Amino acid sequence: MNKEITNQFFIDTTKENDYEAHYILWNDPQQEISMMFRYALLKTPESQTSNVKVWACFWDRNKPENNVGWIKEYPLSDLKLSNNKYRLEIGDSGIDQTKAWGQLSKGSKKLKWSFDLDIRDAISVNRLPDVEKYQFFPNFYSSYCKHKLTGWIEVNQDRYEVNQINASDGHYTNVQNLASWSWGNCVNFEEDPDFLFEGITTYYNDWTSPSTWLFFYWQGKRYESNIVDAMFINRELDSDLNHWSFETEKEGVRFEGKMSADPKTMISFTHPLPDGSNLYTTITLNATLVIQIYTKNSHGNWEKVKTLTADRKATFEVTKPLRNKRVTSEFDLM
């Protein structure tokens, strides 16, 4: 595992506006189930109070009555943090270096999970390197962007078990300056099980140019972005509510990617803003990602050498000031 990136906590509840989140997501292509859970720590000017939230969404493509998307808020007194051992607890849910667990319930419906995290061969990613010292930019990194996960989930009366499936984690702070973004992650490519993609395009307002941060792990080599790549080399070709495409050239390799998703697989959340407007986020763990890889031939021309496909196995999140009206599922604020 890359030891340069380690999980830690940065939340400062004395600040007027501070936000921090830690999450894990996974997709089991064999059982056609997927899940994301997030532990969020928040203080906003409009509330003037600190609170913590547990998010969880679960999809079963073969049994949609078990699909769940819940958010539960807890008082700050229910939060326990330890940087010495990296351990976070919120009520009955939590995460540390090797485990993640939690439970939420609403009436007779219940969602419960418990996982062991195998990080022995984990690949870490700093999604936005070189900007940590600048207050304007978010911090967005993953200690275990690709790792193995084993455990179980209980949804209503059904129990699911997963064993050594690919999973990804993430940790982000200081996102209050972002006006919109498109983000993708995939660790389940059909043609190459070792390939990893992580990328995000961010906008800070309507008049600034986007910055596109892309990471690829291919044939044992890391292709990472720095701030120059993000501003001038990497290109977002298209960004919509249901798809996102991008390209870059790095160290003699050209990557072209296209992410797309069926709105029926998406779940949405509304972010109220202090000026009375809203941002709208949609997320799915069942998006399709196709990446074309090119290298230069003996004549100096780009030649396609690989096509990688993740059919309904990628994570795709879009946040924009425009609601995707085709998305009918919404997180339930408990």
C-alpha atoms as a PDB file:
ATOM      1  CA  MET A   1       0.000   0.000   0.000  1.00  0.00           C
ATOM      2  CA  ASN A   2       1.142   3.541  -0.715  1.00  0.00           C
ATOM      3  CA  LYS A   3       2.064   4.862   2.751  1.00  0.00           C
ATOM      4  CA  GLU A   4       2.130   8.525   1.752  1.00  0.00           C
ATOM      5  CA  ILE A   5      -1.616   8.974   2.302  1.00  0.00           C
ATOM      6  CA  THR A   6      -3.101   8.098   5.674  1.00  0.00           C
ATOM      7  CA  ASN A   7      -6.576   8.723   7.024  1.00  0.00           C
ATOM      8  CA  GLN A   8      -6.983  11.409   9.653  1.00  0.00           C
ATOM      9  CA  PHE A   9      -9.606  13.906  10.803  1.00  0.00           C
ATOM     10  CA  PHE A  10      -9.584  17.646  10.135  1.00  0.00           C
ATOM     11  CA  ILE A  11     -13.003  18.809  11.330  1.00  0.00           C
ATOM     12  CA  ASP A  12     -12.975  21.986  13.416  1.00  0.00           C
ATOM     13  CA  THR A  13     -16.351  22.613  15.020  1.00  0.00           C
ATOM     14  CA  THR A  14     -15.279  26.143  16.000  1.00  0.00           C
ATOM     15  CA  LYS A  15     -15.262  27.251  12.358  1.00  0.00           C
ATOM     16  CA  GLU A  16     -18.312  28.895  10.825  1.00  0.00           C
ATOM     17  CA  ASN A  17     -18.322  26.585   7.828  1.00  0.00           C
ATOM     18  CA  ASP A  18     -16.594  23.229   7.932  1.00  0.00           C
ATOM     19  CA  TYR A  19     -17.457  19.915   6.354  1.00  0.00           C
ATOM     20  CA  GLU A  20     -15.738  16.559   6.328  1.00  0.00           C
ATOM     21  CA  ALA A  21     -16.852  13.153   5.067  1.00  0.00           C
ATOM     22  CA  HIS A  22     -15.426   9.624   5.046  1.00  0.00           C
ATOM     23  CA  TYR A  23     -17.034   6.951   2.895  1.00  0.00           C
ATOM     24  CA  ILE A  24     -16.726   3.459   1.450  1.00  0.00           C
ATOM     25  CA  LEU A  25     -18.424   2.166  -1.681  1.00  0.00           C
ATOM     26  CA  TRP A  26     -18.486  -1.177  -3.460  1.00  0.00           C
ATOM     27  CA  ASN A  27     -20.161  -3.057  -6.280  1.00  0.00           C
ATOM     28  CA  ASP A  28     -20.534  -6.850  -6.394  1.00  0.00           C
ATOM     29  CA  PRO A  29     -21.016  -7.667 -10.111  1.00  0.00           C
ATOM     30  CA  GLN A  30     -21.837 -11.319  -9.455  1.00  0.00           C
ATOM     31  CA  GLN A  31     -24.726 -10.703  -7.076  1.00  0.00           C
ATOM     32  CA  GLU A  32     -25.643  -7.406  -8.786  1.00  0.00           C
ATOM     33  CA  ILE A  33     -25.701  -5.531  -5.504  1.00  0.00           C
ATOM     34  CA  SER A  34     -23.879  -2.359  -4.515  1.00  0.00           C
ATOM     35  CA  MET A  35     -23.590  -0.045  -1.551  1.00  0.00           C
ATOM     36  CA  MET A  36     -22.196   3.236  -0.319  1.00  0.00           C
ATOM     37  CA  PHE A  37     -22.073   4.476   3.261  1.00  0.00           C
ATOM     38  CA  ARG A  38     -20.763   7.819   4.391  1.00  0.00           C
ATOM     39  CA  TYR A  39     -19.981   9.382   7.747  1.00  0.00           C
ATOM     40  CA  ALA A  40     -20.318  13.168   7.512  1.00  0.00           C
ATOM     41  CA  LEU A  41     -19.263  15.832   9.995  1.00  0.00           C
ATOM     42  CA  LEU A  42     -20.782  19.249   9.429  1.00  0.00           C
ATOM     43  CA  LYS A  43     -21.037  22.794  10.681  1.00  0.00           C
ATOM     44  CA  THR A  44     -22.756  25.431   8.561  1.00  0.00           C
ATOM     45  CA  PRO A  45     -23.368  29.168   9.037  1.00  0.00           C
ATOM     46  CA  GLU A  46     -27.122  28.744   8.590  1.00  0.00           C
ATOM     47  CA  SER A  47     -27.423  26.224  11.429  1.00  0.00           C
ATOM     48  CA  GLN A  48     -24.687  27.661  13.688  1.00  0.00           C
ATOM     49  CA  THR A  49     -24.539  24.214  15.267  1.00  0.00           C
ATOM     50  CA  SER A  50     -22.491  21.134  14.611  1.00  0.00           C
ATOM     51  CA  ASN A  51     -24.062  17.823  13.726  1.00  0.00           C
ATOM     52  CA  VAL A  52     -23.023  14.518  12.266  1.00  0.00           C
ATOM     53  CA  LYS A  53     -24.769  12.299   9.746  1.00  0.00           C
ATOM     54  CA  VAL A  54     -24.685   8.718   8.568  1.00  0.00           C
ATOM     55  CA  TRP A  55     -25.597   8.178   4.924  1.00  0.00           C
ATOM     56  CA  ALA A  56     -26.293   4.762   3.447  1.00  0.00           C
ATOM     57  CA  CYS A  57     -27.635   3.577   0.117  1.00  0.00           C
ATOM     58  CA  PHE A  58     -27.986  -0.022  -1.065  1.00  0.00           C
ATOM     59  CA  TRP A  59     -29.064  -1.360  -4.460  1.00  0.00           C
ATOM     60  CA  ASP A  60     -30.200  -4.838  -5.460  1.00  0.00           C
ATOM     61  CA  ARG A  61     -30.859  -4.901  -9.191  1.00  0.00           C
ATOM     62  CA  ASN A  62     -32.839  -8.144  -8.868  1.00  0.00           C
ATOM     63  CA  LYS A  63     -34.890  -7.153  -5.818  1.00  0.00           C
ATOM     64  CA  PRO A  64     -35.576  -3.412  -5.993  1.00  0.00           C
ATOM     65  CA  GLU A  65     -37.894  -3.513  -2.970  1.00  0.00           C
ATOM     66  CA  ASN A  66     -34.677  -3.773  -0.927  1.00  0.00           C
ATOM     67  CA  ASN A  67     -33.221  -0.583  -2.396  1.00  0.00           C
ATOM     68  CA  VAL A  68     -32.572   1.919   0.388  1.00  0.00           C
ATOM     69  CA  GLY A  69     -31.285   5.491   0.577  1.00  0.00           C
ATOM     70  CA  TRP A  70     -31.287   6.972   4.084  1.00  0.00           C
ATOM     71  CA  ILE A  71     -29.617   9.829   5.930  1.00  0.00           C
ATOM     72  CA  LYS A  72     -29.800  10.075   9.715  1.00  0.00           C
ATOM     73  CA  GLU A  73     -28.631  13.057  11.716  1.00  0.00           C
ATOM     74  CA  TYR A  74     -27.111  12.775  15.180  1.00  0.00           C
ATOM     75  CA  PRO A  75     -26.070  15.345  17.795  1.00  0.00           C
ATOM     76  CA  LEU A  76     -22.395  16.158  18.056  1.00  0.00           C
ATOM     77  CA  SER A  77     -22.321  14.345  21.404  1.00  0.00           C
ATOM     78  CA  ASP A  78     -22.789  11.049  19.514  1.00  0.00           C
ATOM     79  CA  LEU A  79     -19.495  11.563  17.656  1.00  0.00           C
ATOM     80  CA  LYS A  80     -16.280   9.905  18.819  1.00  0.00           C
ATOM     81  CA  LEU A  81     -12.978  10.509  17.008  1.00  0.00           C
ATOM     82  CA  SER A  82      -9.508   9.106  17.504  1.00  0.00           C
ATOM     83  CA  ASN A  83      -6.653  10.194  15.270  1.00  0.00           C
ATOM     84  CA  ASN A  84      -4.174   7.931  17.036  1.00  0.00           C
ATOM     85  CA  LYS A  85      -5.836   4.809  15.654  1.00  0.00           C
ATOM     86  CA  TYR A  86      -8.090   6.415  13.026  1.00  0.00           C
ATOM     87  CA  ARG A  87     -11.448   5.512  14.483  1.00  0.00           C
ATOM     88  CA  LEU A  88     -14.772   7.302  13.957  1.00  0.00           C
ATOM     89  CA  GLU A  89     -18.018   6.393  15.668  1.00  0.00           C
ATOM     90  CA  ILE A  90     -21.446   7.966  15.187  1.00  0.00           C
ATOM     91  CA  GLY A  91     -24.101   6.268  17.269  1.00  0.00           C
ATOM     92  CA  ASP A  92     -24.178   2.615  16.195  1.00  0.00           C
ATOM     93  CA  SER A  93     -22.048   3.211  13.080  1.00  0.00           C
ATOM     94  CA  GLY A  94     -18.342   3.680  12.558  1.00  0.00           C
ATOM     95  CA  ILE A  95     -15.113   3.033  10.700  1.00  0.00           C
ATOM     96  CA  ASP A  96     -11.474   2.403  11.540  1.00  0.00           C
ATOM     97  CA  GLN A  97      -8.375   1.156   9.715  1.00  0.00           C
ATOM     98  CA  THR A  98      -9.675  -2.386   9.195  1.00  0.00           C
ATOM     99  CA  LYS A  99     -13.437  -2.382   9.832  1.00  0.00           C
ATOM    100  CA  ALA A 100     -16.631  -0.544   8.954  1.00  0.00           C
ATOM    101  CA  TRP A 101     -20.035  -1.078  10.531  1.00  0.00           C
ATOM    102  CA  GLY A 102     -23.390   0.586  10.947  1.00  0.00           C
ATOM    103  CA  GLN A 103     -27.134   0.354  11.202  1.00  0.00           C
ATOM    104  CA  LEU A 104     -30.107   2.535  10.367  1.00  0.00           C
ATOM    105  CA  SER A 105     -33.793   1.816  10.762  1.00  0.00           C
ATOM    106  CA  LYS A 106     -37.098   3.393   9.889  1.00  0.00           C
ATOM    107  CA  GLY A 107     -40.240   1.796  11.238  1.00  0.00           C
ATOM    108  CA  SER A 108     -40.095  -1.901  10.398  1.00  0.00           C
ATOM    109  CA  LYS A 109     -37.357  -1.376   7.785  1.00  0.00           C
ATOM    110  CA  LYS A 110     -33.747  -1.915   8.763  1.00  0.00           C
ATOM    111  CA  LEU A 111     -30.331  -1.651   7.151  1.00  0.00           C
ATOM    112  CA  LYS A 112     -27.312  -3.073   8.932  1.00  0.00           C
ATOM    113  CA  TRP A 113     -23.744  -3.717   7.750  1.00  0.00           C
ATOM    114  CA  SER A 114     -20.418  -5.040   8.978  1.00  0.00           C
ATOM    115  CA  PHE A 115     -17.252  -5.332   6.893  1.00  0.00           C
ATOM    116  CA  ASP A 116     -13.603  -6.248   7.259  1.00  0.00           C
ATOM    117  CA  LEU A 117     -11.297  -4.102   5.114  1.00  0.00           C
ATOM    118  CA  ASP A 118      -8.320  -5.861   3.552  1.00  0.00           C
ATOM    119  CA  ILE A 119      -5.832  -3.055   2.838  1.00  0.00           C
ATOM    120  CA  ARG A 120      -2.687  -5.148   2.348  1.00  0.00           C
ATOM    121  CA  ASP A 121      -2.468  -4.316  -1.374  1.00  0.00           C
ATOM    122  CA  ALA A 122      -4.495  -1.109  -1.299  1.00  0.00           C
ATOM    123  CA  ILE A 123      -3.817   1.625  -3.850  1.00  0.00           C
ATOM    124  CA  SER A 124      -3.976   5.140  -2.424  1.00  0.00           C
ATOM    125  CA  VAL A 125      -4.834   8.238  -4.435  1.00  0.00           C
ATOM    126  CA  ASN A 126      -4.634  11.947  -3.710  1.00  0.00           C
ATOM    127  CA  ARG A 127      -7.276  13.147  -6.130  1.00  0.00           C
ATOM    128  CA  LEU A 128      -6.325  16.838  -5.904  1.00  0.00           C
ATOM    129  CA  PRO A 129      -2.588  16.938  -5.131  1.00  0.00           C
ATOM    130  CA  ASP A 130      -0.512  20.099  -4.794  1.00  0.00           C
ATOM    131  CA  VAL A 131      -3.379  22.266  -3.510  1.00  0.00           C
ATOM    132  CA  GLU A 132      -3.599  21.270   0.166  1.00  0.00           C
ATOM    133  CA  LYS A 133      -2.008  24.520   1.343  1.00  0.00           C
ATOM    134  CA  TYR A 134      -4.565  26.694  -0.475  1.00  0.00           C
ATOM    135  CA  GLN A 135      -7.770  27.474   1.439  1.00  0.00           C
ATOM    136  CA  PHE A 136      -9.776  27.875  -1.772  1.00  0.00           C
ATOM    137  CA  PHE A 137      -9.353  24.274  -2.941  1.00  0.00           C
ATOM    138  CA  PRO A 138     -10.954  21.153  -1.453  1.00  0.00           C
ATOM    139  CA  ASN A 139      -8.963  18.238  -0.081  1.00  0.00           C
ATOM    140  CA  PHE A 140     -10.046  14.976  -1.644  1.00  0.00           C
ATOM    141  CA  TYR A 141      -8.087  11.777  -1.189  1.00  0.00           C
ATOM    142  CA  SER A 142      -8.401   8.047  -0.713  1.00  0.00           C
ATOM    143  CA  SER A 143      -6.163   5.875   1.436  1.00  0.00           C
ATOM    144  CA  TYR A 144      -7.715   2.701   0.013  1.00  0.00           C
ATOM    145  CA  CYS A 145      -8.966   3.737  -3.415  1.00  0.00           C
ATOM    146  CA  LYS A 146      -8.819   0.049  -4.307  1.00  0.00           C
ATOM    147  CA  HIS A 147      -8.927  -2.572  -1.584  1.00  0.00           C
ATOM    148  CA  LYS A 148     -10.776  -5.785  -0.706  1.00  0.00           C
ATOM    149  CA  LEU A 149     -13.867  -5.995   1.447  1.00  0.00           C
ATOM    150  CA  THR A 150     -15.562  -8.952   3.177  1.00  0.00           C
ATOM    151  CA  GLY A 151     -18.696  -8.941   5.282  1.00  0.00           C
ATOM    152  CA  TRP A 152     -22.464  -8.843   5.310  1.00  0.00           C
ATOM    153  CA  ILE A 153     -25.486  -6.600   4.877  1.00  0.00           C
ATOM    154  CA  GLU A 154     -28.969  -7.067   6.291  1.00  0.00           C
ATOM    155  CA  VAL A 155     -31.814  -5.306   4.501  1.00  0.00           C
ATOM    156  CA  ASN A 156     -35.254  -5.822   5.971  1.00  0.00           C
ATOM    157  CA  GLN A 157     -35.459  -9.624   6.302  1.00  0.00           C
ATOM    158  CA  ASP A 158     -32.733 -10.454   3.763  1.00  0.00           C
ATOM    159  CA  ARG A 159     -29.058 -11.059   4.464  1.00  0.00           C
ATOM    160  CA  TYR A 160     -26.343 -10.659   1.831  1.00  0.00           C
ATOM    161  CA  GLU A 161     -22.736 -11.763   2.160  1.00  0.00           C
ATOM    162  CA  VAL A 162     -19.751 -10.530   0.144  1.00  0.00           C
ATOM    163  CA  ASN A 163     -16.263 -12.004   0.108  1.00  0.00           C
ATOM    164  CA  GLN A 164     -13.077 -10.263  -1.023  1.00  0.00           C
ATOM    165  CA  ILE A 165     -14.817  -7.940  -3.474  1.00  0.00           C
ATOM    166  CA  ASN A 166     -13.240  -4.752  -4.801  1.00  0.00           C
ATOM    167  CA  ALA A 167     -14.109  -1.618  -2.857  1.00  0.00           C
ATOM    168  CA  SER A 168     -13.040   2.010  -2.646  1.00  0.00           C
ATOM    169  CA  ASP A 169     -12.880   4.592   0.117  1.00  0.00           C
ATOM    170  CA  GLY A 170     -12.693   8.361   0.159  1.00  0.00           C
ATOM    171  CA  HIS A 171     -12.221  11.355   2.408  1.00  0.00           C
ATOM    172  CA  TYR A 172     -12.918  14.976   1.544  1.00  0.00           C
ATOM    173  CA  THR A 173     -12.962  18.362   3.267  1.00  0.00           C
ATOM    174  CA  ASN A 174     -13.228  22.062   2.375  1.00  0.00           C
ATOM    175  CA  VAL A 175     -15.760  21.616  -0.441  1.00  0.00           C
ATOM    176  CA  GLN A 176     -17.873  24.701   0.282  1.00  0.00           C
ATOM    177  CA  ASN A 177     -16.380  26.690  -2.631  1.00  0.00           C
ATOM    178  CA  LEU A 178     -17.455  24.197  -5.301  1.00  0.00           C
ATOM    179  CA  ALA A 179     -20.383  25.170  -7.527  1.00  0.00           C
ATOM    180  CA  SER A 180     -20.673  21.874  -9.434  1.00  0.00           C
ATOM    181  CA  TRP A 181     -18.768  18.710 -10.252  1.00  0.00           C
ATOM    182  CA  SER A 182     -18.777  15.368 -12.045  1.00  0.00           C
ATOM    183  CA  TRP A 183     -16.990  12.526 -10.290  1.00  0.00           C
ATOM    184  CA  GLY A 184     -16.328   8.912 -11.222  1.00  0.00           C
ATOM    185  CA  ASN A 185     -14.661   5.840  -9.769  1.00  0.00           C
ATOM    186  CA  CYS A 186     -14.284   2.289 -11.032  1.00  0.00           C
ATOM    187  CA  VAL A 187     -12.388  -0.774  -9.786  1.00  0.00           C
ATOM    188  CA  ASN A 188     -14.310  -3.445 -11.744  1.00  0.00           C
ATOM    189  CA  PHE A 189     -13.240  -3.450 -15.387  1.00  0.00           C
ATOM    190  CA  GLU A 190     -14.103  -6.603 -17.296  1.00  0.00           C
ATOM    191  CA  GLU A 191     -11.013  -6.790 -19.515  1.00  0.00           C
ATOM    192  CA  ASP A 192      -8.441  -5.899 -16.850  1.00  0.00           C
ATOM    193  CA  PRO A 193      -9.263  -6.547 -13.169  1.00  0.00           C
ATOM    194  CA  ASP A 194      -6.191  -4.576 -12.033  1.00  0.00           C
ATOM    195  CA  PHE A 195      -7.156  -1.335 -13.775  1.00  0.00           C
ATOM    196  CA  LEU A 196      -8.306   1.571 -11.593  1.00  0.00           C
ATOM    197  CA  PHE A 197      -9.912   4.866 -12.528  1.00  0.00           C
ATOM    198  CA  GLU A 198     -10.680   7.850 -10.327  1.00  0.00           C
ATOM    199  CA  GLY A 199     -11.517  11.308 -11.632  1.00  0.00           C
ATOM    200  CA  ILE A 200     -13.353  14.546 -10.968  1.00  0.00           C
ATOM    201  CA  THR A 201     -14.086  17.774 -12.826  1.00  0.00           C
ATOM    202  CA  THR A 202     -14.822  20.735 -10.569  1.00  0.00           C
ATOM    203  CA  TYR A 203     -16.312  24.173 -11.217  1.00  0.00           C
ATOM    204  CA  TYR A 204     -16.029  26.987  -8.709  1.00  0.00           C
ATOM    205  CA  ASN A 205     -18.572  29.287 -10.358  1.00  0.00           C
ATOM    206  CA  ASP A 206     -20.149  29.961 -13.745  1.00  0.00           C
ATOM    207  CA  TRP A 207     -17.263  31.949 -15.184  1.00  0.00           C
ATOM    208  CA  THR A 208     -14.170  29.955 -14.184  1.00  0.00           C
ATOM    209  CA  SER A 209     -12.701  27.210 -16.318  1.00  0.00           C
ATOM    210  CA  PRO A 210     -13.142  23.653 -15.048  1.00  0.00           C
ATOM    211  CA  SER A 211     -10.308  21.732 -13.473  1.00  0.00           C
ATOM    212  CA  THR A 212     -10.194  18.033 -14.299  1.00  0.00           C
ATOM    213  CA  TRP A 213      -8.212  15.662 -12.082  1.00  0.00           C
ATOM    214  CA  LEU A 214      -7.729  12.157 -13.463  1.00  0.00           C
ATOM    215  CA  PHE A 215      -5.991   9.072 -12.089  1.00  0.00           C
ATOM    216  CA  PHE A 216      -5.362   5.760 -13.874  1.00  0.00           C
ATOM    217  CA  TYR A 217      -3.597   2.633 -12.665  1.00  0.00           C
ATOM    218  CA  TRP A 218      -2.614   0.480 -15.638  1.00  0.00           C
ATOM    219  CA  GLN A 219      -0.094  -2.332 -15.983  1.00  0.00           C
ATOM    220  CA  GLY A 220       1.345  -1.607 -12.557  1.00  0.00           C
ATOM    221  CA  LYS A 221       1.943   2.094 -13.269  1.00  0.00           C
ATOM    222  CA  ARG A 222       0.267   5.161 -11.797  1.00  0.00           C
ATOM    223  CA  TYR A 223      -0.843   7.974 -14.138  1.00  0.00           C
ATOM    224  CA  GLU A 224      -1.601  10.941 -11.882  1.00  0.00           C
ATOM    225  CA  SER A 225      -2.589  14.570 -12.356  1.00  0.00           C
ATOM    226  CA  ASN A 226      -0.889  17.635 -10.966  1.00  0.00           C
ATOM    227  CA  ILE A 227      -2.382  21.116 -10.938  1.00  0.00           C
ATOM    228  CA  VAL A 228      -0.949  21.944 -14.398  1.00  0.00           C
ATOM    229  CA  ASP A 229      -2.490  18.780 -15.859  1.00  0.00           C
ATOM    230  CA  ALA A 230      -5.833  19.559 -14.220  1.00  0.00           C
ATOM    231  CA  MET A 231      -5.990  23.103 -15.605  1.00  0.00           C
ATOM    232  CA  PHE A 232      -4.357  22.739 -19.026  1.00  0.00           C
ATOM    233  CA  ILE A 233      -3.807  19.115 -20.120  1.00  0.00           C
ATOM    234  CA  ASN A 234      -6.771  17.084 -18.941  1.00  0.00           C
ATOM    235  CA  ARG A 235      -9.964  17.888 -20.823  1.00  0.00           C
ATOM    236  CA  GLU A 236     -13.602  17.490 -19.939  1.00  0.00           C
ATOM    237  CA  LEU A 237     -15.279  16.868 -23.300  1.00  0.00           C
ATOM    238  CA  ASP A 238     -18.865  16.815 -22.100  1.00  0.00           C
ATOM    239  CA  SER A 239     -20.731  17.064 -18.834  1.00  0.00           C
ATOM    240  CA  ASP A 240     -24.432  16.388 -18.458  1.00  0.00           C
ATOM    241  CA  LEU A 241     -26.814  15.098 -15.809  1.00  0.00           C
ATOM    242  CA  ASN A 242     -26.539  11.539 -17.125  1.00  0.00           C
ATOM    243  CA  HIS A 243     -23.075  11.350 -18.695  1.00  0.00           C
ATOM    244  CA  TRP A 244     -19.529  12.679 -18.534  1.00  0.00           C
ATOM    245  CA  SER A 245     -16.620  12.305 -20.944  1.00  0.00           C
ATOM    246  CA  PHE A 246     -12.948  13.250 -20.647  1.00  0.00           C
ATOM    247  CA  GLU A 247      -9.496  12.685 -22.127  1.00  0.00           C
ATOM    248  CA  THR A 248      -5.847  13.188 -21.261  1.00  0.00           C
ATOM    249  CA  GLU A 249      -2.329  12.406 -22.455  1.00  0.00           C
ATOM    250  CA  LYS A 250       0.218  11.352 -19.885  1.00  0.00           C
ATOM    251  CA  GLU A 251       3.711   9.876 -20.315  1.00  0.00           C
ATOM    252  CA  GLY A 252       3.126   8.661 -23.850  1.00  0.00           C
ATOM    253  CA  VAL A 253      -0.351   7.244 -23.173  1.00  0.00           C
ATOM    254  CA  ARG A 254      -3.696   8.730 -24.132  1.00  0.00           C
ATOM    255  CA  PHE A 255      -6.843   7.892 -22.153  1.00  0.00           C
ATOM    256  CA  GLU A 256     -10.362   8.646 -23.355  1.00  0.00           C
ATOM    257  CA  GLY A 257     -13.292   7.922 -21.083  1.00  0.00           C
ATOM    258  CA  LYS A 258     -17.066   8.105 -21.245  1.00  0.00           C
ATOM    259  CA  MET A 259     -19.306   7.619 -18.230  1.00  0.00           C
ATOM    260  CA  SER A 260     -23.060   7.168 -18.585  1.00  0.00           C
ATOM    261  CA  ALA A 261     -25.923   6.135 -16.347  1.00  0.00           C
ATOM    262  CA  ASP A 262     -29.603   5.300 -16.455  1.00  0.00           C
ATOM    263  CA  PRO A 263     -31.506   7.804 -14.270  1.00  0.00           C
ATOM    264  CA  LYS A 264     -33.531   4.878 -12.912  1.00  0.00           C
ATOM    265  CA  THR A 265     -30.396   3.689 -11.070  1.00  0.00           C
ATOM    266  CA  MET A 266     -29.656   7.119  -9.574  1.00  0.00           C
ATOM    267  CA  ILE A 267     -30.607   8.565  -6.208  1.00  0.00           C
ATOM    268  CA  SER A 268     -30.695  12.305  -5.534  1.00  0.00           C
ATOM    269  CA  PHE A 269     -30.138  14.768  -2.725  1.00  0.00           C
ATOM    270  CA  THR A 270     -30.844  18.500  -2.511  1.00  0.00           C
ATOM    271  CA  HIS A 271     -28.296  20.924  -0.990  1.00  0.00           C
ATOM    272  CA  PRO A 272     -29.952  24.206   0.134  1.00  0.00           C
ATOM    273  CA  LEU A 273     -27.615  27.209  -0.198  1.00  0.00           C
ATOM    274  CA  PRO A 274     -27.531  30.333   1.992  1.00  0.00           C
ATOM    275  CA  ASP A 275     -28.846  32.536  -0.860  1.00  0.00           C
ATOM    276  CA  GLY A 276     -32.018  30.432  -1.195  1.00  0.00           C
ATOM    277  CA  SER A 277     -30.890  28.491  -4.280  1.00  0.00           C
ATOM    278  CA  ASN A 278     -30.084  24.776  -4.394  1.00  0.00           C
ATOM    279  CA  LEU A 279     -27.478  22.364  -5.654  1.00  0.00           C
ATOM    280  CA  TYR A 280     -28.671  18.902  -6.710  1.00  0.00           C
ATOM    281  CA  THR A 281     -26.577  15.762  -6.406  1.00  0.00           C
ATOM    282  CA  THR A 282     -27.308  12.436  -8.064  1.00  0.00           C
ATOM    283  CA  ILE A 283     -25.260   9.302  -7.524  1.00  0.00           C
ATOM    284  CA  THR A 284     -25.264   5.756  -8.804  1.00  0.00           C
ATOM    285  CA  LEU A 285     -22.982   2.770  -8.291  1.00  0.00           C
ATOM    286  CA  ASN A 286     -24.390   1.182 -11.449  1.00  0.00           C
ATOM    287  CA  ALA A 287     -22.997   3.463 -14.148  1.00  0.00           C
ATOM    288  CA  THR A 288     -21.234   2.274 -17.294  1.00  0.00           C
ATOM    289  CA  LEU A 289     -17.695   3.444 -18.007  1.00  0.00           C
ATOM    290  CA  VAL A 290     -15.755   2.806 -21.217  1.00  0.00           C
ATOM    291  CA  ILE A 291     -12.085   3.812 -21.417  1.00  0.00           C
ATOM    292  CA  GLN A 292     -10.080   3.739 -24.637  1.00  0.00           C
ATOM    293  CA  ILE A 293      -6.285   3.591 -24.319  1.00  0.00           C
ATOM    294  CA  TYR A 294      -3.912   4.758 -27.086  1.00  0.00           C
ATOM    295  CA  THR A 295      -0.149   4.714 -27.515  1.00  0.00           C
ATOM    296  CA  LYS A 296       1.927   6.080 -30.395  1.00  0.00           C
ATOM    297  CA  ASN A 297       3.033   3.702 -33.152  1.00  0.00           C
ATOM    298  CA  SER A 298       6.311   3.772 -35.067  1.00  0.00           C
ATOM    299  CA  HIS A 299       4.941   6.553 -37.304  1.00  0.00           C
ATOM    300  CA  GLY A 300       4.161   8.784 -34.347  1.00  0.00           C
ATOM    301  CA  ASN A 301       0.401   8.364 -34.651  1.00  0.00           C
ATOM    302  CA  TRP A 302      -1.958   7.427 -31.847  1.00  0.00           C
ATOM    303  CA  GLU A 303      -3.039   3.802 -32.062  1.00  0.00           C
ATOM    304  CA  LYS A 304      -5.702   2.189 -29.908  1.00  0.00           C
ATOM    305  CA  VAL A 305      -4.249  -0.633 -27.816  1.00  0.00           C
ATOM    306  CA  LYS A 306      -7.008  -1.361 -25.307  1.00  0.00           C
ATOM    307  CA  THR A 307     -10.704  -0.877 -24.634  1.00  0.00           C
ATOM    308  CA  LEU A 308     -11.833  -1.284 -21.048  1.00  0.00           C
ATOM    309  CA  THR A 309     -15.479  -1.684 -20.089  1.00  0.00           C
ATOM    310  CA  ALA A 310     -17.335  -1.577 -16.806  1.00  0.00           C
ATOM    311  CA  ASP A 311     -20.967  -2.280 -17.632  1.00  0.00           C
ATOM    312  CA  ARG A 312     -23.085  -0.994 -14.713  1.00  0.00           C
ATOM    313  CA  LYS A 313     -20.118  -1.403 -12.350  1.00  0.00           C
ATOM    314  CA  ALA A 314     -18.854   2.175 -11.988  1.00  0.00           C
ATOM    315  CA  THR A 315     -19.671   4.947  -9.539  1.00  0.00           C
ATOM    316  CA  PHE A 316     -20.874   8.238 -10.999  1.00  0.00           C
ATOM    317  CA  GLU A 317     -21.862  11.379  -9.110  1.00  0.00           C
ATOM    318  CA  VAL A 318     -23.100  14.674 -10.576  1.00  0.00           C
ATOM    319  CA  THR A 319     -23.743  17.896  -8.677  1.00  0.00           C
ATOM    320  CA  LYS A 320     -25.206  20.848 -10.548  1.00  0.00           C
ATOM    321  CA  PRO A 321     -27.597  23.750  -9.890  1.00  0.00           C
ATOM    322  CA  LEU A 322     -30.079  21.975 -12.182  1.00  0.00           C
ATOM    323  CA  ARG A 323     -32.255  19.104 -10.969  1.00  0.00           C
ATOM    324  CA  ASN A 324     -32.318  15.885 -12.989  1.00  0.00           C
ATOM    325  CA  LYS A 325     -36.069  15.435 -13.252  1.00  0.00           C
ATOM    326  CA  ARG A 326     -35.672  11.902 -14.603  1.00  0.00           C
ATOM    327  CA  VAL A 327     -34.283  10.739 -11.258  1.00  0.00           C
ATOM    328  CA  THR A 328     -37.220   9.694  -9.085  1.00  0.00           C
ATOM    329  CA  SER A 329     -35.409   8.167  -6.086  1.00  0.00           C
ATOM    330  CA  GLU A 330     -34.305  10.511  -3.329  1.00  0.00           C
ATOM    331  CA  PHE A 331     -32.414  10.115  -0.074  1.00  0.00           C
ATOM    332  CA  ASP A 332     -34.820   9.942   2.840  1.00  0.00           C
ATOM    333  CA  LEU A 333     -33.833  12.329   5.648  1.00  0.00           C
ATOM    334  CA  MET A 334     -34.687  10.394   8.754  1.00  0.00           C
END
